[in-house]
């Protein structure tokens, strides 16, 4: 699949339909300059759905190596049970040139390699057992990290200022569940949740770290997507009275916020 095309306009070249479409796509280059301080990751869309044996990647936009790439039609890749953790990645080619254009290809890959090399972006990971169907609907917030037969999108990087971050879907669910929790929440919690729910953009990692640090009384040691997600899970569980914070400082801080 050709993921980006830059037309070569010169005397004698024929303006083909693909060239004209590439000129239209070039309008997005302005955004690339506006997003120079963003980290690699998904910009929008790229939602995932599953069938009995395939994953469908919906249309969207990705920011990679200071460039925006458009996924203009759904992509499908088959999966099968392996009983081991595998990762679904977008794999972008280096620049390819012909007489009319320069472009890059993108393919989907399911691999056991947990690390993303340059030109790769993780979409999800899962561990599927024989006879099971991969599910992408969750029973509750914590269920997103269930090990078996569940699509885990926590590690998927979303492009944000200053670093890659959790998906807006995850942070909005956290904010909504905290707002809907039975016990009262602090003004600080409410302000943070309303900001998350009122924004269509991913929440920057610094904002998430700052929120968690304020609640816990100290910055989280693990600031990866999974580390931040686990802290959000603990905050929700403690709010519902079913979890116990792992550090004394966290307990004291949370009690002060709730009183």
C-alpha atoms as a PDB file:
ATOM      1  CA  UNK A   1       0.000   0.000   0.000  1.00  0.00           C
ATOM      2  CA  UNK A   2       1.421   3.404  -1.005  1.00  0.00           C
ATOM      3  CA  UNK A   3       1.176   5.559   2.107  1.00  0.00           C
ATOM      4  CA  UNK A   4       2.576   8.899   0.890  1.00  0.00           C
ATOM      5  CA  UNK A   5       3.227  10.314  -2.580  1.00  0.00           C
ATOM      6  CA  UNK A   6       5.117  13.474  -3.541  1.00  0.00           C
ATOM      7  CA  UNK A   7       4.586  14.426  -7.216  1.00  0.00           C
ATOM      8  CA  UNK A   8       7.425  15.375  -9.545  1.00  0.00           C
ATOM      9  CA  UNK A   9       6.156  18.131 -11.842  1.00  0.00           C
ATOM     10  CA  UNK A  10       8.500  18.768 -14.769  1.00  0.00           C
ATOM     11  CA  UNK A  11       8.277  19.530 -18.507  1.00  0.00           C
ATOM     12  CA  UNK A  12       7.096  16.459 -20.361  1.00  0.00           C
ATOM     13  CA  UNK A  13       5.624  14.711 -17.313  1.00  0.00           C
ATOM     14  CA  UNK A  14       1.997  13.678 -17.592  1.00  0.00           C
ATOM     15  CA  UNK A  15      -0.302  14.792 -14.772  1.00  0.00           C
ATOM     16  CA  UNK A  16      -1.824  11.428 -13.943  1.00  0.00           C
ATOM     17  CA  UNK A  17      -4.681  10.943 -11.502  1.00  0.00           C
ATOM     18  CA  UNK A  18      -2.256   9.698  -8.845  1.00  0.00           C
ATOM     19  CA  UNK A  19      -0.170  12.848  -9.266  1.00  0.00           C
ATOM     20  CA  UNK A  20      -3.183  15.105  -8.856  1.00  0.00           C
ATOM     21  CA  UNK A  21      -4.242  13.186  -5.754  1.00  0.00           C
ATOM     22  CA  UNK A  22      -0.734  13.628  -4.350  1.00  0.00           C
ATOM     23  CA  UNK A  23      -0.979  17.387  -4.838  1.00  0.00           C
ATOM     24  CA  UNK A  24      -4.161  17.312  -2.768  1.00  0.00           C
ATOM     25  CA  UNK A  25      -2.420  15.330  -0.016  1.00  0.00           C
ATOM     26  CA  UNK A  26       0.407  17.876   0.064  1.00  0.00           C
ATOM     27  CA  UNK A  27      -1.944  20.301   1.812  1.00  0.00           C
ATOM     28  CA  UNK A  28      -1.256  18.333   4.990  1.00  0.00           C
ATOM     29  CA  UNK A  29       2.431  19.298   4.952  1.00  0.00           C
ATOM     30  CA  UNK A  30       1.580  22.521   6.777  1.00  0.00           C
ATOM     31  CA  UNK A  31       0.537  20.460   9.791  1.00  0.00           C
ATOM     32  CA  UNK A  32       3.890  18.693   9.778  1.00  0.00           C
ATOM     33  CA  UNK A  33       5.613  21.990  10.512  1.00  0.00           C
ATOM     34  CA  UNK A  34       3.104  22.753  13.280  1.00  0.00           C
ATOM     35  CA  UNK A  35       3.775  19.388  14.900  1.00  0.00           C
ATOM     36  CA  UNK A  36       7.585  19.441  14.940  1.00  0.00           C
ATOM     37  CA  UNK A  37       7.652  18.988  18.737  1.00  0.00           C
ATOM     38  CA  UNK A  38       5.312  15.985  18.682  1.00  0.00           C
ATOM     39  CA  UNK A  39       6.504  12.427  19.248  1.00  0.00           C
ATOM     40  CA  UNK A  40       5.787   9.561  16.876  1.00  0.00           C
ATOM     41  CA  UNK A  41       2.405   7.904  17.194  1.00  0.00           C
ATOM     42  CA  UNK A  42      -1.201   7.774  16.089  1.00  0.00           C
ATOM     43  CA  UNK A  43      -2.760  11.180  15.452  1.00  0.00           C
ATOM     44  CA  UNK A  44      -6.375  10.167  14.951  1.00  0.00           C
ATOM     45  CA  UNK A  45      -8.534   7.249  13.911  1.00  0.00           C
ATOM     46  CA  UNK A  46      -6.847   3.868  13.324  1.00  0.00           C
ATOM     47  CA  UNK A  47      -9.539   2.174  15.423  1.00  0.00           C
ATOM     48  CA  UNK A  48      -9.375  -1.616  15.485  1.00  0.00           C
ATOM     49  CA  UNK A  49     -12.124  -4.169  15.021  1.00  0.00           C
ATOM     50  CA  UNK A  50     -11.937  -7.949  15.032  1.00  0.00           C
ATOM     51  CA  UNK A  51     -13.666 -10.753  13.186  1.00  0.00           C
ATOM     52  CA  UNK A  52     -13.280 -14.463  13.838  1.00  0.00           C
ATOM     53  CA  UNK A  53      -9.861 -14.511  12.164  1.00  0.00           C
ATOM     54  CA  UNK A  54      -8.918 -10.949  11.168  1.00  0.00           C
ATOM     55  CA  UNK A  55      -8.151  -7.502  12.574  1.00  0.00           C
ATOM     56  CA  UNK A  56      -9.468  -4.467  10.698  1.00  0.00           C
ATOM     57  CA  UNK A  57      -7.532  -1.204  10.973  1.00  0.00           C
ATOM     58  CA  UNK A  58      -9.798   1.748  10.229  1.00  0.00           C
ATOM     59  CA  UNK A  59      -8.876   4.979   8.457  1.00  0.00           C
ATOM     60  CA  UNK A  60      -6.733   7.464  10.349  1.00  0.00           C
ATOM     61  CA  UNK A  61      -3.555   9.515  10.489  1.00  0.00           C
ATOM     62  CA  UNK A  62      -0.119   8.675  11.867  1.00  0.00           C
ATOM     63  CA  UNK A  63       2.818  10.941  12.751  1.00  0.00           C
ATOM     64  CA  UNK A  64       6.191   9.308  12.129  1.00  0.00           C
ATOM     65  CA  UNK A  65       9.656  10.808  11.743  1.00  0.00           C
ATOM     66  CA  UNK A  66       8.196  14.326  11.520  1.00  0.00           C
ATOM     67  CA  UNK A  67       5.782  13.385   8.727  1.00  0.00           C
ATOM     68  CA  UNK A  68       2.031  12.789   8.598  1.00  0.00           C
ATOM     69  CA  UNK A  69       0.756   9.660   6.859  1.00  0.00           C
ATOM     70  CA  UNK A  70      -2.870   9.095   5.937  1.00  0.00           C
ATOM     71  CA  UNK A  71      -4.527   5.690   6.169  1.00  0.00           C
ATOM     72  CA  UNK A  72      -7.206   6.343   3.575  1.00  0.00           C
ATOM     73  CA  UNK A  73      -8.977   2.975   3.569  1.00  0.00           C
ATOM     74  CA  UNK A  74      -9.453   0.111   6.041  1.00  0.00           C
ATOM     75  CA  UNK A  75      -6.688  -2.492   6.170  1.00  0.00           C
ATOM     76  CA  UNK A  76      -7.143  -6.143   7.121  1.00  0.00           C
ATOM     77  CA  UNK A  77      -4.682  -8.663   8.541  1.00  0.00           C
ATOM     78  CA  UNK A  78      -5.431 -12.240   9.584  1.00  0.00           C
ATOM     79  CA  UNK A  79      -4.507 -13.566  13.025  1.00  0.00           C
ATOM     80  CA  UNK A  80      -4.357 -17.033  14.576  1.00  0.00           C
ATOM     81  CA  UNK A  81      -3.868 -18.447  18.097  1.00  0.00           C
ATOM     82  CA  UNK A  82      -0.256 -18.791  19.206  1.00  0.00           C
ATOM     83  CA  UNK A  83      -0.631 -18.871  23.021  1.00  0.00           C
ATOM     84  CA  UNK A  84       2.184 -16.314  23.190  1.00  0.00           C
ATOM     85  CA  UNK A  85       2.162 -12.529  23.118  1.00  0.00           C
ATOM     86  CA  UNK A  86       2.328 -11.024  19.636  1.00  0.00           C
ATOM     87  CA  UNK A  87       2.303  -7.413  18.447  1.00  0.00           C
ATOM     88  CA  UNK A  88       0.448  -5.866  15.520  1.00  0.00           C
ATOM     89  CA  UNK A  89       2.612  -3.169  13.937  1.00  0.00           C
ATOM     90  CA  UNK A  90       2.484  -0.674  11.117  1.00  0.00           C
ATOM     91  CA  UNK A  91       5.744  -1.058   9.181  1.00  0.00           C
ATOM     92  CA  UNK A  92       6.752   1.852   6.942  1.00  0.00           C
ATOM     93  CA  UNK A  93       9.250   1.487   4.130  1.00  0.00           C
ATOM     94  CA  UNK A  94      12.081   3.882   3.394  1.00  0.00           C
ATOM     95  CA  UNK A  95      11.507   6.429   0.618  1.00  0.00           C
ATOM     96  CA  UNK A  96      10.933   4.881  -2.830  1.00  0.00           C
ATOM     97  CA  UNK A  97      11.288   6.911  -6.038  1.00  0.00           C
ATOM     98  CA  UNK A  98      10.160   6.554  -9.639  1.00  0.00           C
ATOM     99  CA  UNK A  99       9.954   8.978 -12.574  1.00  0.00           C
ATOM    100  CA  UNK A 100       6.823  10.685 -11.239  1.00  0.00           C
ATOM    101  CA  UNK A 101       6.823  10.466  -7.456  1.00  0.00           C
ATOM    102  CA  UNK A 102       8.595   9.657  -4.250  1.00  0.00           C
ATOM    103  CA  UNK A 103       6.521   7.584  -1.859  1.00  0.00           C
ATOM    104  CA  UNK A 104       6.563   5.190   1.093  1.00  0.00           C
ATOM    105  CA  UNK A 105       4.784   1.877   1.517  1.00  0.00           C
ATOM    106  CA  UNK A 106       3.162   0.667   4.722  1.00  0.00           C
ATOM    107  CA  UNK A 107       2.291  -2.911   5.625  1.00  0.00           C
ATOM    108  CA  UNK A 108       0.755  -4.522   8.688  1.00  0.00           C
ATOM    109  CA  UNK A 109       2.738  -7.185  10.517  1.00  0.00           C
ATOM    110  CA  UNK A 110       2.002  -9.498  13.447  1.00  0.00           C
ATOM    111  CA  UNK A 111       5.225 -10.509  15.171  1.00  0.00           C
ATOM    112  CA  UNK A 112       6.574 -11.816  18.474  1.00  0.00           C
ATOM    113  CA  UNK A 113       9.150  -9.019  18.516  1.00  0.00           C
ATOM    114  CA  UNK A 114       7.952  -6.659  21.275  1.00  0.00           C
ATOM    115  CA  UNK A 115      10.227  -3.773  20.280  1.00  0.00           C
ATOM    116  CA  UNK A 116       9.460  -1.296  17.506  1.00  0.00           C
ATOM    117  CA  UNK A 117      12.338  -0.507  15.193  1.00  0.00           C
ATOM    118  CA  UNK A 118      12.599   2.808  13.287  1.00  0.00           C
ATOM    119  CA  UNK A 119       9.685   3.048  10.893  1.00  0.00           C
ATOM    120  CA  UNK A 120       7.385   0.855  13.036  1.00  0.00           C
ATOM    121  CA  UNK A 121       4.426   1.777  15.241  1.00  0.00           C
ATOM    122  CA  UNK A 122       2.576  -0.642  17.526  1.00  0.00           C
ATOM    123  CA  UNK A 123      -1.193  -0.824  17.179  1.00  0.00           C
ATOM    124  CA  UNK A 124      -1.955  -3.526  19.742  1.00  0.00           C
ATOM    125  CA  UNK A 125      -0.719  -6.731  21.338  1.00  0.00           C
ATOM    126  CA  UNK A 126      -2.484  -9.925  22.425  1.00  0.00           C
ATOM    127  CA  UNK A 127      -2.064 -13.532  23.552  1.00  0.00           C
ATOM    128  CA  UNK A 128      -4.669 -15.734  21.902  1.00  0.00           C
ATOM    129  CA  UNK A 129      -5.479 -19.264  23.021  1.00  0.00           C
ATOM    130  CA  UNK A 130      -6.563 -22.081  20.734  1.00  0.00           C
ATOM    131  CA  UNK A 131     -10.314 -21.968  20.066  1.00  0.00           C
ATOM    132  CA  UNK A 132     -10.727 -18.413  21.372  1.00  0.00           C
ATOM    133  CA  UNK A 133     -11.730 -15.262  19.491  1.00  0.00           C
ATOM    134  CA  UNK A 134      -9.783 -12.061  19.958  1.00  0.00           C
ATOM    135  CA  UNK A 135     -12.041  -9.523  21.676  1.00  0.00           C
ATOM    136  CA  UNK A 136     -11.751  -5.736  21.502  1.00  0.00           C
ATOM    137  CA  UNK A 137     -14.625  -4.841  23.863  1.00  0.00           C
ATOM    138  CA  UNK A 138     -13.862  -4.452  27.558  1.00  0.00           C
ATOM    139  CA  UNK A 139     -15.858  -5.264  30.686  1.00  0.00           C
ATOM    140  CA  UNK A 140     -14.274  -2.462  32.697  1.00  0.00           C
ATOM    141  CA  UNK A 141     -11.265  -0.150  32.682  1.00  0.00           C
ATOM    142  CA  UNK A 142      -8.785  -2.672  34.101  1.00  0.00           C
ATOM    143  CA  UNK A 143      -9.943  -5.314  31.611  1.00  0.00           C
ATOM    144  CA  UNK A 144      -7.922  -3.516  28.924  1.00  0.00           C
ATOM    145  CA  UNK A 145      -4.796  -5.173  30.348  1.00  0.00           C
ATOM    146  CA  UNK A 146      -6.219  -8.721  30.532  1.00  0.00           C
ATOM    147  CA  UNK A 147      -3.526 -11.115  29.336  1.00  0.00           C
ATOM    148  CA  UNK A 148      -5.417 -13.724  27.323  1.00  0.00           C
ATOM    149  CA  UNK A 149      -7.679 -13.367  24.264  1.00  0.00           C
ATOM    150  CA  UNK A 150      -7.979  -9.580  24.703  1.00  0.00           C
ATOM    151  CA  UNK A 151      -6.715  -6.828  22.430  1.00  0.00           C
ATOM    152  CA  UNK A 152      -4.346  -4.662  24.473  1.00  0.00           C
ATOM    153  CA  UNK A 153      -3.945  -1.147  23.025  1.00  0.00           C
ATOM    154  CA  UNK A 154      -2.285   0.356  26.097  1.00  0.00           C
ATOM    155  CA  UNK A 155       1.207   0.223  24.586  1.00  0.00           C
ATOM    156  CA  UNK A 156       0.139   1.829  21.290  1.00  0.00           C
ATOM    157  CA  UNK A 157       1.774   5.279  21.144  1.00  0.00           C
ATOM    158  CA  UNK A 158      -0.336   8.350  20.427  1.00  0.00           C
ATOM    159  CA  UNK A 159       1.411  11.436  19.098  1.00  0.00           C
ATOM    160  CA  UNK A 160       1.491  14.307  21.593  1.00  0.00           C
ATOM    161  CA  UNK A 161       3.617  17.307  22.453  1.00  0.00           C
ATOM    162  CA  UNK A 162       6.722  16.246  24.331  1.00  0.00           C
ATOM    163  CA  UNK A 163       6.293  12.496  23.973  1.00  0.00           C
ATOM    164  CA  UNK A 164       4.072   9.588  22.976  1.00  0.00           C
ATOM    165  CA  UNK A 165       1.116   8.970  25.252  1.00  0.00           C
ATOM    166  CA  UNK A 166      -1.965   6.882  26.026  1.00  0.00           C
ATOM    167  CA  UNK A 167      -4.856   6.895  23.596  1.00  0.00           C
ATOM    168  CA  UNK A 168      -7.645   9.449  24.141  1.00  0.00           C
ATOM    169  CA  UNK A 169     -10.069   6.520  24.375  1.00  0.00           C
ATOM    170  CA  UNK A 170      -8.272   5.242  27.480  1.00  0.00           C
ATOM    171  CA  UNK A 171      -7.916   8.601  29.239  1.00  0.00           C
ATOM    172  CA  UNK A 172     -11.514   9.604  28.461  1.00  0.00           C
ATOM    173  CA  UNK A 173     -12.791   6.309  29.883  1.00  0.00           C
ATOM    174  CA  UNK A 174     -10.734   6.892  33.035  1.00  0.00           C
ATOM    175  CA  UNK A 175     -12.091  10.429  33.398  1.00  0.00           C
ATOM    176  CA  UNK A 176     -15.690   9.349  32.857  1.00  0.00           C
ATOM    177  CA  UNK A 177     -15.466   6.465  35.321  1.00  0.00           C
ATOM    178  CA  UNK A 178     -13.863   8.691  37.953  1.00  0.00           C
ATOM    179  CA  UNK A 179     -16.594  11.304  37.478  1.00  0.00           C
ATOM    180  CA  UNK A 180     -19.278   8.591  37.715  1.00  0.00           C
ATOM    181  CA  UNK A 181     -17.803   6.896  40.784  1.00  0.00           C
ATOM    182  CA  UNK A 182     -20.024   6.620  43.852  1.00  0.00           C
ATOM    183  CA  UNK A 183     -17.844   8.626  46.235  1.00  0.00           C
ATOM    184  CA  UNK A 184     -17.227  12.338  45.937  1.00  0.00           C
ATOM    185  CA  UNK A 185     -14.094  13.452  44.131  1.00  0.00           C
ATOM    186  CA  UNK A 186     -11.910  16.472  44.757  1.00  0.00           C
ATOM    187  CA  UNK A 187     -12.058  19.698  42.785  1.00  0.00           C
ATOM    188  CA  UNK A 188      -8.619  18.828  41.417  1.00  0.00           C
ATOM    189  CA  UNK A 189      -9.885  15.469  40.131  1.00  0.00           C
ATOM    190  CA  UNK A 190     -12.992  17.070  38.647  1.00  0.00           C
ATOM    191  CA  UNK A 191     -11.000  19.767  36.858  1.00  0.00           C
ATOM    192  CA  UNK A 192      -8.619  17.206  35.362  1.00  0.00           C
ATOM    193  CA  UNK A 193     -11.474  14.940  34.270  1.00  0.00           C
ATOM    194  CA  UNK A 194     -13.402  17.770  32.628  1.00  0.00           C
ATOM    195  CA  UNK A 195     -10.304  18.846  30.713  1.00  0.00           C
ATOM    196  CA  UNK A 196      -9.778  15.295  29.484  1.00  0.00           C
ATOM    197  CA  UNK A 197     -13.427  14.856  28.475  1.00  0.00           C
ATOM    198  CA  UNK A 198     -13.512  18.245  26.759  1.00  0.00           C
ATOM    199  CA  UNK A 199     -10.477  17.627  24.551  1.00  0.00           C
ATOM    200  CA  UNK A 200     -10.311  15.638  21.342  1.00  0.00           C
ATOM    201  CA  UNK A 201      -6.520  15.464  21.531  1.00  0.00           C
ATOM    202  CA  UNK A 202      -4.385  12.963  23.444  1.00  0.00           C
ATOM    203  CA  UNK A 203      -3.348  14.096  26.929  1.00  0.00           C
ATOM    204  CA  UNK A 204       0.384  14.802  27.004  1.00  0.00           C
ATOM    205  CA  UNK A 205       2.547  12.459  29.094  1.00  0.00           C
ATOM    206  CA  UNK A 206       3.670  15.398  31.259  1.00  0.00           C
ATOM    207  CA  UNK A 207       0.025  16.178  32.106  1.00  0.00           C
ATOM    208  CA  UNK A 208      -0.669  12.556  33.057  1.00  0.00           C
ATOM    209  CA  UNK A 209       2.504  12.319  35.127  1.00  0.00           C
ATOM    210  CA  UNK A 210       1.701  15.612  36.850  1.00  0.00           C
ATOM    211  CA  UNK A 211      -1.838  14.480  37.699  1.00  0.00           C
ATOM    212  CA  UNK A 212      -0.676  11.141  39.090  1.00  0.00           C
ATOM    213  CA  UNK A 213       2.129  12.803  41.054  1.00  0.00           C
ATOM    214  CA  UNK A 214      -0.356  15.227  42.635  1.00  0.00           C
ATOM    215  CA  UNK A 215      -2.651  12.381  43.691  1.00  0.00           C
ATOM    216  CA  UNK A 216       0.114  10.038  44.884  1.00  0.00           C
ATOM    217  CA  UNK A 217       2.387  12.585  46.470  1.00  0.00           C
ATOM    218  CA  UNK A 218       5.282  11.566  44.229  1.00  0.00           C
ATOM    219  CA  UNK A 219       5.998  11.038  40.540  1.00  0.00           C
ATOM    220  CA  UNK A 220       5.440   7.540  39.163  1.00  0.00           C
ATOM    221  CA  UNK A 221       8.655   5.584  38.704  1.00  0.00           C
ATOM    222  CA  UNK A 222       7.353   3.869  35.574  1.00  0.00           C
ATOM    223  CA  UNK A 223       6.282   6.495  33.032  1.00  0.00           C
ATOM    224  CA  UNK A 224       5.681   4.122  30.132  1.00  0.00           C
ATOM    225  CA  UNK A 225       2.139   3.824  28.800  1.00  0.00           C
ATOM    226  CA  UNK A 226       1.620   0.674  30.858  1.00  0.00           C
ATOM    227  CA  UNK A 227       3.068   2.253  33.987  1.00  0.00           C
ATOM    228  CA  UNK A 228       0.765   5.264  33.706  1.00  0.00           C
ATOM    229  CA  UNK A 229      -2.231   3.023  32.944  1.00  0.00           C
ATOM    230  CA  UNK A 230      -1.589   0.950  36.063  1.00  0.00           C
ATOM    231  CA  UNK A 231      -1.480   4.120  38.159  1.00  0.00           C
ATOM    232  CA  UNK A 232      -4.834   5.201  36.704  1.00  0.00           C
ATOM    233  CA  UNK A 233      -6.262   1.771  37.560  1.00  0.00           C
ATOM    234  CA  UNK A 234      -5.100   2.150  41.170  1.00  0.00           C
ATOM    235  CA  UNK A 235      -6.647   5.614  41.420  1.00  0.00           C
ATOM    236  CA  UNK A 236     -10.012   4.276  40.199  1.00  0.00           C
ATOM    237  CA  UNK A 237      -9.883   1.254  42.521  1.00  0.00           C
ATOM    238  CA  UNK A 238      -8.992   3.379  45.519  1.00  0.00           C
ATOM    239  CA  UNK A 239     -11.820   5.773  44.700  1.00  0.00           C
ATOM    240  CA  UNK A 240     -14.228   2.818  44.716  1.00  0.00           C
ATOM    241  CA  UNK A 241     -12.752   1.522  47.970  1.00  0.00           C
ATOM    242  CA  UNK A 242     -11.581  -1.774  46.483  1.00  0.00           C
ATOM    243  CA  UNK A 243      -7.884  -1.024  46.069  1.00  0.00           C
ATOM    244  CA  UNK A 244      -5.022  -0.243  48.409  1.00  0.00           C
ATOM    245  CA  UNK A 245      -2.324   2.156  47.217  1.00  0.00           C
ATOM    246  CA  UNK A 246       1.109   0.591  47.224  1.00  0.00           C
ATOM    247  CA  UNK A 247       2.913   3.423  49.030  1.00  0.00           C
ATOM    248  CA  UNK A 248       2.119   5.189  52.311  1.00  0.00           C
ATOM    249  CA  UNK A 249       2.675   8.544  50.664  1.00  0.00           C
ATOM    250  CA  UNK A 250      -0.016   7.762  48.144  1.00  0.00           C
ATOM    251  CA  UNK A 251      -2.519   6.867  50.857  1.00  0.00           C
ATOM    252  CA  UNK A 252      -1.901  10.054  52.793  1.00  0.00           C
ATOM    253  CA  UNK A 253      -2.124  12.237  49.719  1.00  0.00           C
ATOM    254  CA  UNK A 254      -5.330  10.621  48.495  1.00  0.00           C
ATOM    255  CA  UNK A 255      -6.994  10.984  51.899  1.00  0.00           C
ATOM    256  CA  UNK A 256      -6.067  14.669  52.009  1.00  0.00           C
ATOM    257  CA  UNK A 257      -7.591  15.151  48.552  1.00  0.00           C
ATOM    258  CA  UNK A 258     -10.824  13.428  49.534  1.00  0.00           C
ATOM    259  CA  UNK A 259     -11.367  15.257  52.822  1.00  0.00           C
END
